[in-house]
């Protein structure tokens, strides 16, 4: 790297002399970068975002400190004394040694992208970048310690952190978690907007598992640690973020020991895959009983699962495995997102210690919906299952848009509008279904299951299915299945099956049928 020097604001201005040691490896691109004071979220027309303290700005590069951890701490202390505001990072690259913890009322903000501003476009690249330590694997002995890397952006006070978030910042080798505290204590008015995250998985602390005599150096991607995990008591915006393919950070571990059942052990070349992680977990909670058995969550039994004001829009999520988007709430708007799960990925294990078989699942699905009155509009989703260890069949998952009984509520007042998906709409064993519009979607699915599958029936028996409209959709593989009893006010109308072979409509919910084309 060329030798560099700083001006009085801490910005790089020349390549003629050495920089102070604590700031080595940090590049700031412009010597003059006006600190923005506008509301960058105005296009979403949410009343609460305009009340955030956008006009109170502290430039992190002007703060005292020997490294960026110290400078950010000083900036946040200044903002806290002023009642909150924006800690601004001008265009450049900033290396952090440990987790970043955001103070109450503080928003981390980077420079505005100038050319490409939509995160669904491949060239979207915010000019402000935070970089965390790289994990350097050691495939012998005890291996490299995981606490040396896998850092991220957190809240200093999850229980009360409000009016806070991250805006227009690229994060490499780090994740963003705006969490809550024990007992579901949680602040409100949180935002993650305009960010790009790469290499954002973490290592599962349960691997290696001594029960299976695994090598101490074995590492595996944590299965339930999302790249972006955000919770808010009320008002949460997750928008215009990009999770692209991570690139060359993955590493292969030859001789990785896995349990093959019946007391047998087998070894595989297992990849630590930074993209085998959930993309977005947004107020993602378990709010009910086990699948097919009932115990639906309600605002009375699981109040944290029915929070209001959640918006998930315009994001791009790539993953090689696991769920692209999972949410819970009342009235969640999840729209115009693009999700892509990579095809033809071999997955010898989904746990890090057991070999995969056909009964295994990696939870590969586009969107998992939980709660009431959610709306999915204009999403473009591609899902693929992963190959099992023997490479001859896929493991058991691959749902498209899914609201199923497990850990869920019944289904009320939901809307699926104009989504495009290569796997089935799975509204399965939902208990009561009361109020559902499925309109204008374009759906195909592998296998023999219906493209649009609406089933109120449970393992314990039939459940009511009322006020369901399945209208003007395109199915491309198998057709439509609606079931539930007693049934009332259900409609299947104007749908078209685009295939050489006619589709099938299975009407087990007394739906009124008309003007459907190319169905047997």
Protein backbone atom coordinates (compact mmCIF):
# COMPACT_ATOMS: atom_id res chain seq x y z
CA UNK A 1 0.00 0.00 0.00
CA UNK A 2 1.41 3.50 -0.82
CA UNK A 3 2.56 5.70 2.03
CA UNK A 4 -0.04 8.28 2.94
CA UNK A 5 -0.58 11.27 5.19
CA UNK A 6 -3.55 13.00 6.81
CA UNK A 7 -4.71 16.57 6.81
CA UNK A 8 -6.02 18.23 9.97
CA UNK A 9 -9.44 16.55 9.54
CA UNK A 10 -7.87 13.10 9.45
CA UNK A 11 -8.50 12.64 5.71
CA UNK A 12 -5.92 11.34 3.24
CA UNK A 13 -4.42 14.08 1.09
CA UNK A 14 -1.10 12.79 -0.28
CA UNK A 15 1.05 9.74 -0.85
CA UNK A 16 4.34 11.15 0.38
CA UNK A 17 4.83 10.16 4.01
CA UNK A 18 3.84 7.49 6.53
CA UNK A 19 0.54 7.60 8.39
CA UNK A 20 0.43 7.20 12.16
CA UNK A 21 0.51 3.53 13.09
CA UNK A 22 -2.99 3.15 14.55
CA UNK A 23 -4.54 4.29 11.25
CA UNK A 24 -2.49 2.12 8.89
CA UNK A 25 -4.66 0.46 6.26
CA UNK A 26 -7.40 3.07 6.41
CA UNK A 27 -8.14 5.07 3.31
CA UNK A 28 -10.44 8.07 3.13
CA UNK A 29 -11.08 9.12 -0.42
CA UNK A 30 -11.86 12.83 -0.35
CA UNK A 31 -10.36 15.69 1.62
CA UNK A 32 -13.64 17.58 1.47
CA UNK A 33 -16.93 15.77 1.90
CA UNK A 34 -19.90 17.82 3.05
CA UNK A 35 -21.78 16.12 5.86
CA UNK A 36 -25.36 15.43 4.69
CA UNK A 37 -28.17 16.63 6.94
CA UNK A 38 -31.21 15.51 4.93
CA UNK A 39 -33.61 12.67 5.63
CA UNK A 40 -32.45 9.96 3.16
CA UNK A 41 -35.60 7.92 3.81
CA UNK A 42 -38.15 10.46 2.62
CA UNK A 43 -39.17 8.39 -0.40
CA UNK A 44 -40.72 5.81 1.93
CA UNK A 45 -43.13 8.40 3.34
CA UNK A 46 -42.96 7.12 6.90
CA UNK A 47 -43.82 9.86 9.36
CA UNK A 48 -41.34 8.70 11.99
CA UNK A 49 -38.19 8.88 9.84
CA UNK A 50 -38.44 12.66 9.43
CA UNK A 51 -38.30 13.02 13.22
CA UNK A 52 -34.85 11.44 13.49
CA UNK A 53 -32.09 13.94 14.20
CA UNK A 54 -30.60 14.06 10.70
CA UNK A 55 -29.47 17.66 11.13
CA UNK A 56 -27.28 16.99 14.16
CA UNK A 57 -24.09 15.64 12.56
CA UNK A 58 -20.60 14.87 13.87
CA UNK A 59 -17.88 13.97 11.37
CA UNK A 60 -16.08 10.96 12.84
CA UNK A 61 -12.81 11.89 11.13
CA UNK A 62 -12.59 15.13 13.15
CA UNK A 63 -12.76 13.37 16.51
CA UNK A 64 -9.77 12.66 18.80
CA UNK A 65 -8.47 9.11 19.12
CA UNK A 66 -5.67 6.81 18.05
CA UNK A 67 -7.87 4.57 15.88
CA UNK A 68 -11.35 4.50 14.40
CA UNK A 69 -12.80 2.64 17.39
CA UNK A 70 -11.74 5.55 19.62
CA UNK A 71 -12.79 8.23 17.15
CA UNK A 72 -16.27 6.75 16.80
CA UNK A 73 -16.59 6.50 20.58
CA UNK A 74 -15.76 10.21 20.86
CA UNK A 75 -18.26 11.10 18.13
CA UNK A 76 -21.02 9.13 19.84
CA UNK A 77 -20.25 10.73 23.19
CA UNK A 78 -20.60 14.16 21.61
CA UNK A 79 -23.89 13.24 19.96
CA UNK A 80 -25.25 11.73 23.17
CA UNK A 81 -24.65 15.03 24.99
CA UNK A 82 -26.58 16.77 22.19
CA UNK A 83 -29.56 14.41 22.42
CA UNK A 84 -28.58 12.17 19.50
CA UNK A 85 -27.85 12.55 15.81
CA UNK A 86 -25.64 11.27 13.02
CA UNK A 87 -22.09 9.93 13.30
CA UNK A 88 -20.91 10.62 9.77
CA UNK A 89 -18.19 8.72 7.92
CA UNK A 90 -16.99 10.52 4.76
CA UNK A 91 -16.24 8.37 1.73
CA UNK A 92 -13.41 5.99 2.55
CA UNK A 93 -12.46 2.75 4.26
CA UNK A 94 -12.37 2.46 8.06
CA UNK A 95 -10.85 -0.55 9.84
CA UNK A 96 -12.34 -1.56 13.19
CA UNK A 97 -10.76 -4.04 15.57
CA UNK A 98 -13.84 -5.00 17.57
CA UNK A 99 -17.63 -4.84 17.47
CA UNK A 100 -19.15 -1.42 16.83
CA UNK A 101 -21.83 -0.57 19.37
CA UNK A 102 -24.26 2.21 18.50
CA UNK A 103 -25.37 4.53 21.30
CA UNK A 104 -29.00 5.49 21.92
CA UNK A 105 -30.26 8.04 19.44
CA UNK A 106 -27.24 7.70 17.14
CA UNK A 107 -27.30 6.78 13.45
CA UNK A 108 -24.12 5.69 11.65
CA UNK A 109 -24.19 7.27 8.20
CA UNK A 110 -21.89 7.09 5.20
CA UNK A 111 -21.50 9.23 2.11
CA UNK A 112 -24.31 9.19 -0.43
CA UNK A 113 -23.87 6.82 -3.39
CA UNK A 114 -23.60 9.06 -6.44
CA UNK A 115 -24.06 6.93 -9.56
CA UNK A 116 -26.02 3.76 -8.73
CA UNK A 117 -28.49 4.32 -5.90
CA UNK A 118 -30.64 1.17 -6.04
CA UNK A 119 -29.34 -1.79 -4.08
CA UNK A 120 -31.03 -4.28 -6.43
CA UNK A 121 -28.56 -3.20 -9.13
CA UNK A 122 -25.27 -5.09 -9.30
CA UNK A 123 -23.05 -1.98 -9.34
CA UNK A 124 -24.50 -0.54 -6.15
CA UNK A 125 -21.46 0.31 -4.00
CA UNK A 126 -21.62 2.83 -1.12
CA UNK A 127 -18.37 4.86 -0.97
CA UNK A 128 -18.11 4.52 2.83
CA UNK A 129 -16.82 1.14 4.01
CA UNK A 130 -16.31 -0.39 7.45
CA UNK A 131 -13.91 -3.33 7.54
CA UNK A 132 -13.61 -5.82 10.40
CA UNK A 133 -10.84 -8.36 11.10
CA UNK A 134 -10.47 -11.25 8.68
CA UNK A 135 -10.65 -14.80 9.98
CA UNK A 136 -7.50 -16.70 9.07
CA UNK A 137 -8.24 -20.44 9.41
CA UNK A 138 -5.70 -22.79 10.93
CA UNK A 139 -6.50 -26.39 9.98
CA UNK A 140 -4.52 -28.04 12.73
CA UNK A 141 -4.39 -28.19 16.52
CA UNK A 142 -7.08 -26.06 18.14
CA UNK A 143 -7.48 -23.93 15.02
CA UNK A 144 -7.65 -20.16 14.96
CA UNK A 145 -9.87 -18.71 17.73
CA UNK A 146 -13.22 -17.46 16.46
CA UNK A 147 -13.29 -14.46 18.81
CA UNK A 148 -10.45 -12.91 16.79
CA UNK A 149 -12.89 -12.20 13.95
CA UNK A 150 -16.61 -12.40 13.07
CA UNK A 151 -17.37 -8.91 14.40
CA UNK A 152 -20.40 -6.77 13.71
CA UNK A 153 -22.49 -3.68 14.40
CA UNK A 154 -24.68 -3.86 17.51
CA UNK A 155 -26.64 -1.58 19.83
CA UNK A 156 -25.01 -0.47 23.05
CA UNK A 157 -28.42 -0.66 24.75
CA UNK A 158 -30.72 -3.16 22.98
CA UNK A 159 -33.45 -2.68 25.60
CA UNK A 160 -33.85 1.03 25.00
CA UNK A 161 -31.88 1.94 21.90
CA UNK A 162 -34.27 4.05 19.84
CA UNK A 163 -34.02 6.45 16.89
CA UNK A 164 -30.96 4.59 15.68
CA UNK A 165 -29.54 2.60 12.80
CA UNK A 166 -27.06 2.36 9.93
CA UNK A 167 -27.33 4.23 6.62
CA UNK A 168 -25.30 4.05 3.39
CA UNK A 169 -22.38 1.99 4.68
CA UNK A 170 -20.70 -1.06 3.15
CA UNK A 171 -19.60 -3.62 5.75
CA UNK A 172 -17.03 -6.30 5.00
CA UNK A 173 -16.48 -9.26 7.33
CA UNK A 174 -19.19 -8.00 9.65
CA UNK A 175 -22.94 -8.23 10.27
CA UNK A 176 -25.56 -5.77 11.54
CA UNK A 177 -27.68 -6.78 14.53
CA UNK A 178 -30.10 -4.28 16.06
CA UNK A 179 -31.27 -6.58 18.81
CA UNK A 180 -33.48 -6.56 21.88
CA UNK A 181 -32.75 -7.42 25.50
CA UNK A 182 -33.98 -10.22 27.74
CA UNK A 183 -37.73 -10.31 28.19
CA UNK A 184 -38.16 -8.73 24.72
CA UNK A 185 -37.36 -5.24 26.03
CA UNK A 186 -36.74 -3.23 22.90
CA UNK A 187 -36.45 0.33 21.63
CA UNK A 188 -38.33 1.76 18.66
CA UNK A 189 -37.65 3.68 15.44
CA UNK A 190 -34.77 1.70 13.95
CA UNK A 191 -33.42 1.69 10.41
CA UNK A 192 -30.92 -0.14 8.20
CA UNK A 193 -30.81 1.50 4.79
CA UNK A 194 -28.50 1.54 1.81
CA UNK A 195 -25.96 -0.89 3.23
CA UNK A 196 -23.92 -3.62 1.52
CA UNK A 197 -22.75 -6.62 3.57
CA UNK A 198 -20.16 -9.16 2.43
CA UNK A 199 -18.61 -12.08 4.33
CA UNK A 200 -21.16 -11.54 7.07
CA UNK A 201 -21.55 -15.03 8.53
CA UNK A 202 -20.17 -16.08 11.90
CA UNK A 203 -18.77 -19.36 13.22
CA UNK A 204 -21.09 -21.65 15.17
CA UNK A 205 -19.71 -21.98 18.72
CA UNK A 206 -21.25 -25.49 18.92
CA UNK A 207 -18.77 -26.75 16.29
CA UNK A 208 -16.62 -28.73 16.83
CA UNK A 209 -18.93 -31.06 18.74
CA UNK A 210 -16.94 -33.32 21.08
CA UNK A 211 -19.73 -35.92 21.02
CA UNK A 212 -18.67 -36.81 17.47
CA UNK A 213 -14.89 -36.68 18.05
CA UNK A 214 -14.47 -33.77 15.67
CA UNK A 215 -11.14 -32.04 15.15
CA UNK A 216 -10.70 -28.99 17.36
CA UNK A 217 -9.98 -26.86 14.30
CA UNK A 218 -13.32 -27.54 12.57
CA UNK A 219 -15.48 -24.48 11.90
CA UNK A 220 -18.99 -24.20 10.48
CA UNK A 221 -21.27 -21.32 9.59
CA UNK A 222 -23.82 -20.53 12.30
CA UNK A 223 -27.21 -21.63 10.97
CA UNK A 224 -29.44 -19.00 12.57
CA UNK A 225 -27.16 -15.96 12.57
CA UNK A 226 -28.51 -13.64 9.88
CA UNK A 227 -26.45 -11.08 8.02
CA UNK A 228 -28.99 -8.45 9.11
CA UNK A 229 -31.00 -9.19 12.24
CA UNK A 230 -33.19 -6.29 13.33
CA UNK A 231 -35.84 -5.95 15.98
CA UNK A 232 -37.86 -2.92 17.01
CA UNK A 233 -40.73 -2.40 19.41
CA UNK A 234 -42.34 -0.25 16.71
CA UNK A 235 -41.32 1.32 13.41
CA UNK A 236 -38.58 -0.62 11.66
CA UNK A 237 -37.31 0.09 8.14
CA UNK A 238 -35.01 -2.36 6.37
CA UNK A 239 -34.65 -1.01 2.86
CA UNK A 240 -32.35 -0.74 -0.14
CA UNK A 241 -29.69 -3.06 1.29
CA UNK A 242 -27.57 -5.46 -0.74
CA UNK A 243 -26.17 -8.84 0.28
CA UNK A 244 -24.11 -9.93 -2.75
CA UNK A 245 -22.11 -13.10 -3.18
CA UNK A 246 -19.16 -12.85 -0.83
CA UNK A 247 -16.43 -13.85 -3.29
CA UNK A 248 -13.25 -15.69 -2.33
CA UNK A 249 -13.46 -15.55 1.48
CA UNK A 250 -14.74 -19.13 1.82
CA UNK A 251 -12.25 -21.79 2.90
CA UNK A 252 -12.31 -25.56 2.49
CA UNK A 253 -11.57 -27.92 5.39
CA UNK A 254 -10.36 -31.36 4.20
CA UNK A 255 -10.85 -34.22 6.63
CA UNK A 256 -13.88 -32.64 8.33
CA UNK A 257 -15.43 -35.33 10.57
CA UNK A 258 -19.21 -35.83 10.43
CA UNK A 259 -21.56 -38.25 12.17
CA UNK A 260 -22.93 -40.65 9.54
CA UNK A 261 -25.40 -42.39 11.88
CA UNK A 262 -25.32 -45.70 13.71
CA UNK A 263 -22.09 -44.77 15.40
CA UNK A 264 -20.21 -44.25 12.13
CA UNK A 265 -17.98 -41.28 11.24
CA UNK A 266 -17.11 -40.07 7.77
CA UNK A 267 -14.81 -37.30 6.56
CA UNK A 268 -15.62 -34.71 3.90
CA UNK A 269 -14.19 -31.56 2.38
CA UNK A 270 -16.50 -29.09 4.13
CA UNK A 271 -16.53 -25.46 3.06
CA UNK A 272 -16.91 -22.64 5.57
CA UNK A 273 -19.44 -20.83 3.42
CA UNK A 274 -20.02 -17.17 4.26
CA UNK A 275 -23.24 -17.16 2.21
CA UNK A 276 -24.80 -20.19 3.93
CA UNK A 277 -26.60 -17.97 6.40
CA UNK A 278 -30.01 -16.31 6.69
CA UNK A 279 -30.15 -13.00 4.88
CA UNK A 280 -32.67 -10.84 6.76
CA UNK A 281 -34.24 -11.78 10.10
CA UNK A 282 -36.68 -8.97 10.84
CA UNK A 283 -38.51 -9.23 14.18
CA UNK A 284 -38.17 -12.95 13.50
CA UNK A 285 -39.74 -14.87 16.40
CA UNK A 286 -41.34 -18.22 17.09
CA UNK A 287 -44.93 -17.37 17.99
CA UNK A 288 -46.69 -20.72 18.16
CA UNK A 289 -46.53 -24.45 18.62
CA UNK A 290 -45.00 -27.19 16.55
CA UNK A 291 -46.08 -27.76 12.96
CA UNK A 292 -49.55 -29.13 12.39
CA UNK A 293 -50.45 -29.14 16.09
CA UNK A 294 -51.94 -25.74 16.79
CA UNK A 295 -51.13 -23.39 19.69
CA UNK A 296 -51.24 -20.39 17.39
CA UNK A 297 -49.56 -17.24 18.59
CA UNK A 298 -51.69 -14.17 19.27
CA UNK A 299 -50.98 -10.61 20.44
CA UNK A 300 -51.98 -11.75 23.92
CA UNK A 301 -49.71 -14.82 24.07
CA UNK A 302 -46.77 -13.40 22.06
CA UNK A 303 -47.02 -9.59 22.00
CA UNK A 304 -43.46 -9.22 20.67
CA UNK A 305 -44.49 -11.26 17.62
CA UNK A 306 -47.15 -8.77 16.53
CA UNK A 307 -45.19 -5.52 16.49
CA UNK A 308 -46.32 -2.90 14.01
CA UNK A 309 -44.66 -0.56 11.57
CA UNK A 310 -42.21 -2.98 9.91
CA UNK A 311 -41.20 -2.27 6.31
CA UNK A 312 -38.83 -4.52 4.31
CA UNK A 313 -38.43 -3.14 0.78
CA UNK A 314 -36.09 -2.94 -2.18
CA UNK A 315 -33.42 -5.25 -0.76
CA UNK A 316 -31.21 -7.69 -2.70
CA UNK A 317 -30.36 -10.91 -0.85
CA UNK A 318 -28.02 -13.60 -2.16
CA UNK A 319 -27.40 -16.78 -0.21
CA UNK A 320 -26.09 -20.23 -1.01
CA UNK A 321 -28.31 -21.77 1.65
CA UNK A 322 -30.72 -20.88 4.47
CA UNK A 323 -33.61 -18.42 4.39
CA UNK A 324 -33.42 -15.21 2.37
CA UNK A 325 -35.97 -13.21 4.39
CA UNK A 326 -37.81 -14.15 7.58
CA UNK A 327 -40.15 -11.82 9.46
CA UNK A 328 -42.88 -11.66 12.07
CA UNK A 329 -45.33 -8.93 12.98
CA UNK A 330 -48.70 -7.33 12.40
CA UNK A 331 -49.04 -5.54 9.07
CA UNK A 332 -45.50 -6.15 7.79
CA UNK A 333 -44.85 -4.71 4.32
CA UNK A 334 -42.31 -6.93 2.51
CA UNK A 335 -42.19 -5.70 -1.07
CA UNK A 336 -40.03 -5.28 -4.17
CA UNK A 337 -37.18 -7.36 -2.79
CA UNK A 338 -34.96 -9.56 -4.97
CA UNK A 339 -33.79 -12.86 -3.47
CA UNK A 340 -31.46 -15.42 -5.03
CA UNK A 341 -30.44 -18.79 -3.63
CA UNK A 342 -27.55 -20.35 -5.54
CA UNK A 343 -28.22 -23.56 -7.53
CA UNK A 344 -26.24 -26.80 -7.44
CA UNK A 345 -24.61 -26.32 -4.04
CA UNK A 346 -23.35 -29.49 -2.39
CA UNK A 347 -24.11 -29.49 1.35
CA UNK A 348 -22.56 -32.50 3.15
CA UNK A 349 -23.78 -31.09 6.47
CA UNK A 350 -26.31 -28.50 7.57
CA UNK A 351 -25.43 -28.67 11.27
CA UNK A 352 -21.66 -28.85 11.17
CA UNK A 353 -21.58 -32.25 12.84
CA UNK A 354 -24.09 -34.55 11.07
CA UNK A 355 -24.00 -35.81 7.51
CA UNK A 356 -26.97 -34.77 5.38
CA UNK A 357 -29.61 -37.14 4.07
CA UNK A 358 -32.90 -36.62 2.25
CA UNK A 359 -34.64 -35.88 5.54
CA UNK A 360 -32.25 -33.02 6.37
CA UNK A 361 -33.25 -29.41 5.83
CA UNK A 362 -31.19 -26.27 5.44
CA UNK A 363 -34.31 -24.03 5.53
CA UNK A 364 -33.70 -22.84 1.97
CA UNK A 365 -36.67 -20.61 1.21
CA UNK A 366 -37.28 -17.15 -0.20
CA UNK A 367 -39.56 -15.55 2.39
CA UNK A 368 -40.97 -16.94 5.62
CA UNK A 369 -43.97 -14.98 6.88
CA UNK A 370 -45.18 -15.06 10.47
CA UNK A 371 -47.95 -13.03 12.07
CA UNK A 372 -51.02 -11.25 10.77
CA UNK A 373 -51.92 -8.91 7.92
CA UNK A 374 -48.60 -9.10 6.12
CA UNK A 375 -48.28 -7.85 2.54
CA UNK A 376 -45.87 -9.23 -0.06
CA UNK A 377 -45.87 -7.29 -3.31
CA UNK A 378 -43.59 -7.30 -6.33
CA UNK A 379 -40.91 -9.59 -4.93
CA UNK A 380 -38.67 -11.46 -7.41
CA UNK A 381 -37.46 -14.70 -5.84
CA UNK A 382 -35.37 -17.67 -6.94
CA UNK A 383 -34.97 -20.69 -4.63
CA UNK A 384 -32.87 -23.82 -5.00
CA UNK A 385 -32.37 -26.80 -2.72
CA UNK A 386 -28.88 -28.01 -1.83
CA UNK A 387 -27.50 -31.43 -2.74
CA UNK A 388 -27.25 -33.97 0.08
CA UNK A 389 -23.95 -35.58 1.03
CA UNK A 390 -24.23 -38.44 -1.45
CA UNK A 391 -24.80 -35.92 -4.29
CA UNK A 392 -27.69 -37.98 -5.69
CA UNK A 393 -30.70 -36.12 -4.27
CA UNK A 394 -31.68 -32.82 -2.70
CA UNK A 395 -32.28 -32.19 0.97
CA UNK A 396 -35.80 -31.46 2.14
CA UNK A 397 -36.69 -27.77 1.79
CA UNK A 398 -37.00 -25.29 -1.08
CA UNK A 399 -40.22 -23.43 -0.26
CA UNK A 400 -40.95 -20.12 -1.97
CA UNK A 401 -43.25 -17.81 0.02
CA UNK A 402 -44.15 -19.69 3.18
CA UNK A 403 -46.57 -19.19 6.08
CA UNK A 404 -46.73 -22.56 7.78
CA UNK A 405 -48.09 -23.62 11.13
CA UNK A 406 -44.75 -24.24 12.85
CA UNK A 407 -43.91 -21.41 15.27
CA UNK A 408 -46.65 -19.29 13.74
CA UNK A 409 -50.03 -17.66 14.07
CA UNK A 410 -53.14 -18.39 12.12
CA UNK A 411 -53.47 -16.47 8.85
CA UNK A 412 -55.47 -13.25 8.79
CA UNK A 413 -55.83 -10.42 6.30
CA UNK A 414 -52.74 -11.28 4.20
CA UNK A 415 -51.89 -10.16 0.67
CA UNK A 416 -49.66 -11.76 -1.99
CA UNK A 417 -49.63 -9.43 -4.98
CA UNK A 418 -47.61 -9.57 -8.21
CA UNK A 419 -44.74 -11.69 -6.90
CA UNK A 420 -42.59 -13.83 -9.19
CA UNK A 421 -41.21 -17.03 -7.67
CA UNK A 422 -39.76 -20.30 -8.95
CA UNK A 423 -41.07 -22.32 -6.02
CA UNK A 424 -44.46 -22.77 -4.51
CA UNK A 425 -46.54 -20.43 -2.39
CA UNK A 426 -46.84 -22.52 0.75
CA UNK A 427 -49.65 -21.49 3.08
CA UNK A 428 -49.74 -24.79 4.87
CA UNK A 429 -51.63 -26.19 7.88
CA UNK A 430 -52.30 -22.61 8.94
CA UNK A 431 -55.14 -23.22 11.31
CA UNK A 432 -57.84 -20.67 10.60
CA UNK A 433 -57.41 -18.78 7.34
CA UNK A 434 -59.58 -15.68 7.36
CA UNK A 435 -58.82 -13.02 4.78
CA UNK A 436 -56.27 -13.77 2.06
CA UNK A 437 -55.71 -12.23 -1.38
CA UNK A 438 -53.40 -14.00 -3.84
CA UNK A 439 -53.42 -11.97 -7.05
CA UNK A 440 -51.21 -11.44 -10.08
CA UNK A 441 -48.43 -13.80 -9.01
CA UNK A 442 -46.31 -15.84 -11.44
CA UNK A 443 -45.41 -19.17 -9.81
CA UNK A 444 -43.69 -22.38 -10.79
CA UNK A 445 -42.43 -25.19 -8.59
CA UNK A 446 -40.30 -28.32 -8.85
CA UNK A 447 -41.93 -31.65 -8.06
CA UNK A 448 -45.61 -32.46 -7.91
CA UNK A 449 -46.90 -30.04 -5.29
CA UNK A 450 -49.31 -27.27 -6.29
CA UNK A 451 -47.82 -23.94 -7.34
CA UNK A 452 -50.28 -22.15 -5.05
CA UNK A 453 -51.02 -24.18 -1.95
CA UNK A 454 -53.58 -22.82 0.56
CA UNK A 455 -54.35 -25.36 3.28
CA UNK A 456 -56.16 -24.62 6.54
CA UNK A 457 -56.32 -28.30 7.47
CA UNK A 458 -54.07 -29.54 10.25
CA UNK A 459 -52.89 -32.90 11.52
CA UNK A 460 -55.65 -32.61 14.10
CA UNK A 461 -58.38 -32.01 11.51
CA UNK A 462 -60.01 -29.45 9.26
CA UNK A 463 -59.88 -25.75 10.08
CA UNK A 464 -61.99 -22.84 8.81
CA UNK A 465 -61.05 -21.30 5.47
CA UNK A 466 -62.85 -18.04 4.78
CA UNK A 467 -62.57 -14.96 2.56
CA UNK A 468 -59.81 -16.28 0.31
CA UNK A 469 -59.42 -14.91 -3.23
CA UNK A 470 -56.98 -16.57 -5.66
CA UNK A 471 -57.33 -14.45 -8.79
CA UNK A 472 -55.46 -13.63 -12.00
CA UNK A 473 -52.34 -15.64 -11.21
CA UNK A 474 -50.09 -17.55 -13.60
CA UNK A 475 -49.10 -21.08 -12.62
CA UNK A 476 -46.49 -22.96 -14.62
CA UNK A 477 -46.01 -26.40 -13.08
CA UNK A 478 -48.96 -28.06 -11.34
CA UNK A 479 -51.78 -25.69 -10.41
CA UNK A 480 -53.74 -24.62 -7.35
CA UNK A 481 -54.89 -26.37 -4.17
CA UNK A 482 -57.22 -24.78 -1.61
CA UNK A 483 -58.54 -26.70 1.41
CA UNK A 484 -60.36 -26.02 4.67
CA UNK A 485 -63.70 -26.47 6.39
CA UNK A 486 -66.06 -24.89 7.20
CA UNK A 487 -65.49 -22.70 4.17
CA UNK A 488 -67.11 -19.42 3.11
CA UNK A 489 -66.61 -16.64 0.59
CA UNK A 490 -63.70 -18.25 -1.25
CA UNK A 491 -63.00 -17.49 -4.91
CA UNK A 492 -60.67 -19.01 -7.54
CA UNK A 493 -61.01 -16.89 -10.67
CA UNK A 494 -59.15 -15.77 -13.78
CA UNK A 495 -56.03 -17.86 -13.25
CA UNK A 496 -53.99 -19.19 -16.19
CA UNK A 497 -51.81 -22.28 -16.35
CA UNK A 498 -48.95 -21.79 -18.83
CA UNK A 499 -47.69 -25.25 -19.68
CA UNK A 500 -48.10 -27.83 -22.42
CA UNK A 501 -49.89 -30.01 -19.89
CA UNK A 502 -53.03 -28.67 -18.17
CA UNK A 503 -52.76 -27.78 -14.52
CA UNK A 504 -55.07 -28.96 -11.77
CA UNK A 505 -57.28 -27.00 -9.39
CA UNK A 506 -58.10 -28.95 -6.24
CA UNK A 507 -61.02 -27.17 -4.62
CA UNK A 508 -61.58 -28.50 -1.11
CA UNK A 509 -62.82 -25.20 0.33
CA UNK A 510 -66.09 -24.69 -1.54
CA UNK A 511 -64.54 -21.90 -3.62
CA UNK A 512 -66.49 -20.29 -6.46
CA UNK A 513 -64.56 -21.01 -9.65
CA UNK A 514 -64.73 -19.08 -12.93
CA UNK A 515 -62.66 -18.07 -15.95
CA UNK A 516 -59.65 -20.23 -15.13
CA UNK A 517 -57.67 -21.26 -18.22
CA UNK A 518 -55.86 -24.53 -19.03
CA UNK A 519 -56.73 -26.41 -15.85
CA UNK A 520 -58.11 -29.92 -15.79
